[in-house]
Amino acid sequence: MVFFIVPLLSIALAGSAQAQVGDDCTLDPTVCLAGESCVANPSGAGRVCCSTVWGCYGQQGVENTLGLGNEDPRAIAANVVNVILGFLGIIAVVLILAGGFMWMTAAGNEDKISSSKSLMTAGVIGLVIVLASFGIATFVVNAFLGATGVT
C-alpha cells in the first residue's frame, strides 16, 4: 500500500513552489519539504534537500548504498509479472510440444492418443490464459501509470 501512496503524494506535491528532493538549498534552507533537511551535497559542492529517512535520491542515498537502484516500484512489479507470465507461457508451449510428441509416437494406441490430446488441450488452454493475463496486466499497468502521470 505504501508503494501506491508515496508516488501519489510525490505527484501531488510536484506542482508546489517548494524544492524537491535533490534540489539546491544553498541560498534558502527553508525551501525543503517536510521530512527533508538541507545537507551538504554528497556528489559535489553546495547543499541539497535530502529526505531525513531515505537520504538524497539519485545521489549517495540509501538505494545506492544498499544496491537497490532507483527504479519505480510499479515498473519493478510489472517486470516481475512479465517474467512470471513468460515462464508460464514456456511451460504451456512445452506441454503442447510434449503432447504432440506423444501423439506422434503413439503408434495407433488409442490410450496414448487420448492422453496426448488431453495434454495438448491443457497446454492450449494454459497458453490462452497466459496470453489473456499478459494482455490484462499490460492494460492495467499502462492505465495505472497513465492515471498517475507517469509515462
Protein backbone atom coordinates (compact mmCIF):
# COMPACT_ATOMS: atom_id res chain seq x y z
CA MET A 1 0.00 0.00 0.00
CA VAL A 2 2.92 2.32 0.66
CA PHE A 3 4.03 1.81 -2.95
CA PHE A 4 0.79 3.41 -4.13
CA ILE A 5 0.51 6.25 -1.61
CA VAL A 6 4.07 7.59 -1.79
CA PRO A 7 4.09 8.15 -5.59
CA LEU A 8 0.66 9.80 -5.42
CA LEU A 9 1.87 12.15 -2.69
CA SER A 10 5.01 13.00 -4.64
CA ILE A 11 2.93 13.77 -7.75
CA ALA A 12 0.56 15.93 -5.72
CA LEU A 13 3.48 17.86 -4.25
CA ALA A 14 5.32 18.19 -7.57
CA GLY A 15 3.37 21.30 -8.54
CA SER A 16 4.33 23.21 -5.40
CA ALA A 17 6.84 26.03 -5.39
CA GLN A 18 8.96 24.29 -2.78
CA ALA A 19 12.16 22.48 -3.60
CA GLN A 20 12.14 18.79 -4.41
CA VAL A 21 14.49 16.11 -3.11
CA GLY A 22 17.93 16.78 -4.55
CA ASP A 23 17.26 20.48 -5.32
CA ASP A 24 19.78 23.13 -4.34
CA CYS A 25 19.01 24.74 -0.98
CA THR A 26 22.28 26.64 -0.53
CA LEU A 27 20.65 30.07 -0.52
CA ASP A 28 17.41 29.20 1.33
CA PRO A 29 17.40 26.05 3.51
CA THR A 30 13.70 26.55 4.29
CA VAL A 31 12.63 25.52 0.76
CA CYS A 32 12.99 21.82 1.60
CA LEU A 33 9.77 19.84 2.01
CA ALA A 34 8.56 18.40 5.30
CA GLY A 35 10.66 15.38 6.23
CA GLU A 36 13.71 16.77 4.43
CA SER A 37 16.72 18.66 5.57
CA CYS A 38 19.29 20.79 3.80
CA VAL A 39 22.59 18.87 3.88
CA ALA A 40 25.93 19.04 2.13
CA ASN A 41 25.75 17.71 -1.42
CA PRO A 42 27.36 14.23 -1.38
CA SER A 43 28.26 14.43 -5.06
CA GLY A 44 29.60 17.97 -5.27
CA ALA A 45 29.59 21.49 -3.92
CA GLY A 46 26.69 23.23 -2.28
CA ARG A 47 23.79 21.92 -0.27
CA VAL A 48 20.76 19.89 -1.34
CA CYS A 49 17.38 18.87 0.09
CA CYS A 50 17.55 15.29 1.30
CA SER A 51 14.99 13.03 2.93
CA THR A 52 15.76 12.57 6.61
CA VAL A 53 14.72 8.91 6.26
CA TRP A 54 15.99 7.77 2.84
CA GLY A 55 18.80 10.18 2.05
CA CYS A 56 19.44 12.01 -1.22
CA TYR A 57 17.66 10.32 -4.11
CA GLY A 58 19.75 9.97 -7.24
CA GLN A 59 22.95 10.69 -5.31
CA GLN A 60 24.56 8.71 -2.49
CA GLY A 61 21.23 7.79 -0.89
CA VAL A 62 20.08 4.53 0.61
CA GLU A 63 19.27 2.99 -2.78
CA ASN A 64 22.87 3.34 -3.92
CA THR A 65 24.33 2.32 -0.57
CA LEU A 66 22.28 -0.88 -0.45
CA GLY A 67 22.46 -1.51 -4.19
CA LEU A 68 18.68 -1.27 -4.61
CA GLY A 69 18.61 1.08 -7.57
CA ASN A 70 16.13 3.90 -8.04
CA GLU A 71 13.61 2.31 -10.42
CA ASP A 72 9.91 2.91 -9.88
CA PRO A 73 8.37 0.13 -7.73
CA ARG A 74 5.42 -0.08 -10.13
CA ALA A 75 7.80 -0.81 -13.01
CA ILE A 76 9.55 -3.46 -10.91
CA ALA A 77 6.21 -5.14 -10.16
CA ALA A 78 5.28 -5.05 -13.86
CA ASN A 79 8.63 -6.65 -14.76
CA VAL A 80 8.11 -9.41 -12.18
CA VAL A 81 4.64 -10.14 -13.55
CA ASN A 82 6.02 -10.24 -17.11
CA VAL A 83 8.79 -12.68 -16.14
CA ILE A 84 6.36 -15.00 -14.32
CA LEU A 85 3.93 -14.96 -17.25
CA GLY A 86 6.84 -15.65 -19.60
CA PHE A 87 7.81 -18.77 -17.65
CA LEU A 88 4.19 -19.94 -17.58
CA GLY A 89 3.96 -19.40 -21.34
CA ILE A 90 7.08 -21.50 -21.87
CA ILE A 91 5.60 -24.29 -19.75
CA ALA A 92 2.37 -24.18 -21.80
CA VAL A 93 4.30 -24.44 -25.08
CA VAL A 94 6.35 -27.34 -23.70
CA LEU A 95 3.09 -29.12 -22.78
CA ILE A 96 1.82 -28.66 -26.34
CA LEU A 97 5.09 -29.99 -27.77
CA ALA A 98 5.13 -32.95 -25.37
CA GLY A 99 1.53 -33.81 -26.32
CA GLY A 100 2.44 -33.66 -29.99
CA PHE A 101 5.47 -35.88 -29.44
CA MET A 102 3.33 -38.38 -27.52
CA TRP A 103 0.78 -38.43 -30.35
CA MET A 104 3.46 -38.94 -32.99
CA THR A 105 4.97 -41.85 -31.04
CA ALA A 106 1.62 -43.42 -30.05
CA ALA A 107 1.77 -45.88 -32.96
CA GLY A 108 -2.03 -46.05 -33.14
CA ASN A 109 -2.54 -46.79 -29.43
CA GLU A 110 -5.84 -45.07 -28.57
CA ASP A 111 -4.96 -44.65 -24.88
CA LYS A 112 -1.75 -42.77 -25.70
CA ILE A 113 -3.53 -40.70 -28.34
CA SER A 114 -6.29 -39.66 -25.93
CA SER A 115 -3.78 -38.77 -23.19
CA SER A 116 -1.72 -36.76 -25.70
CA LYS A 117 -4.86 -34.92 -26.87
CA SER A 118 -5.74 -34.04 -23.29
CA LEU A 119 -2.16 -32.85 -22.68
CA MET A 120 -2.25 -30.68 -25.80
CA THR A 121 -5.67 -29.32 -24.85
CA ALA A 122 -4.39 -28.40 -21.39
CA GLY A 123 -1.36 -26.71 -22.97
CA VAL A 124 -3.51 -24.66 -25.36
CA ILE A 125 -5.88 -23.63 -22.57
CA GLY A 126 -2.90 -22.65 -20.42
CA LEU A 127 -1.39 -20.64 -23.26
CA VAL A 128 -4.66 -18.78 -23.83
CA ILE A 129 -4.90 -18.00 -20.11
CA VAL A 130 -1.28 -16.76 -20.02
CA LEU A 131 -1.77 -14.56 -23.09
CA ALA A 132 -5.01 -13.13 -21.69
CA SER A 133 -3.29 -12.49 -18.34
CA PHE A 134 -0.43 -10.73 -20.10
CA GLY A 135 -2.86 -8.52 -22.01
CA ILE A 136 -4.86 -7.66 -18.90
CA ALA A 137 -1.73 -6.98 -16.84
CA THR A 138 -0.28 -4.75 -19.56
CA PHE A 139 -3.55 -2.82 -19.84
CA VAL A 140 -3.85 -2.35 -16.06
CA VAL A 141 -0.24 -1.25 -15.61
CA ASN A 142 -0.43 1.21 -18.52
CA ALA A 143 -3.75 2.59 -17.27
CA PHE A 144 -2.39 2.96 -13.74
CA LEU A 145 0.80 4.66 -14.85
CA GLY A 146 -1.16 6.93 -17.20
CA ALA A 147 -3.59 7.89 -14.44
CA THR A 148 -0.76 8.91 -12.11
CA GLY A 149 1.01 10.97 -14.78
CA VAL A 150 3.98 8.62 -15.22
CA THR A 151 4.85 7.75 -18.80
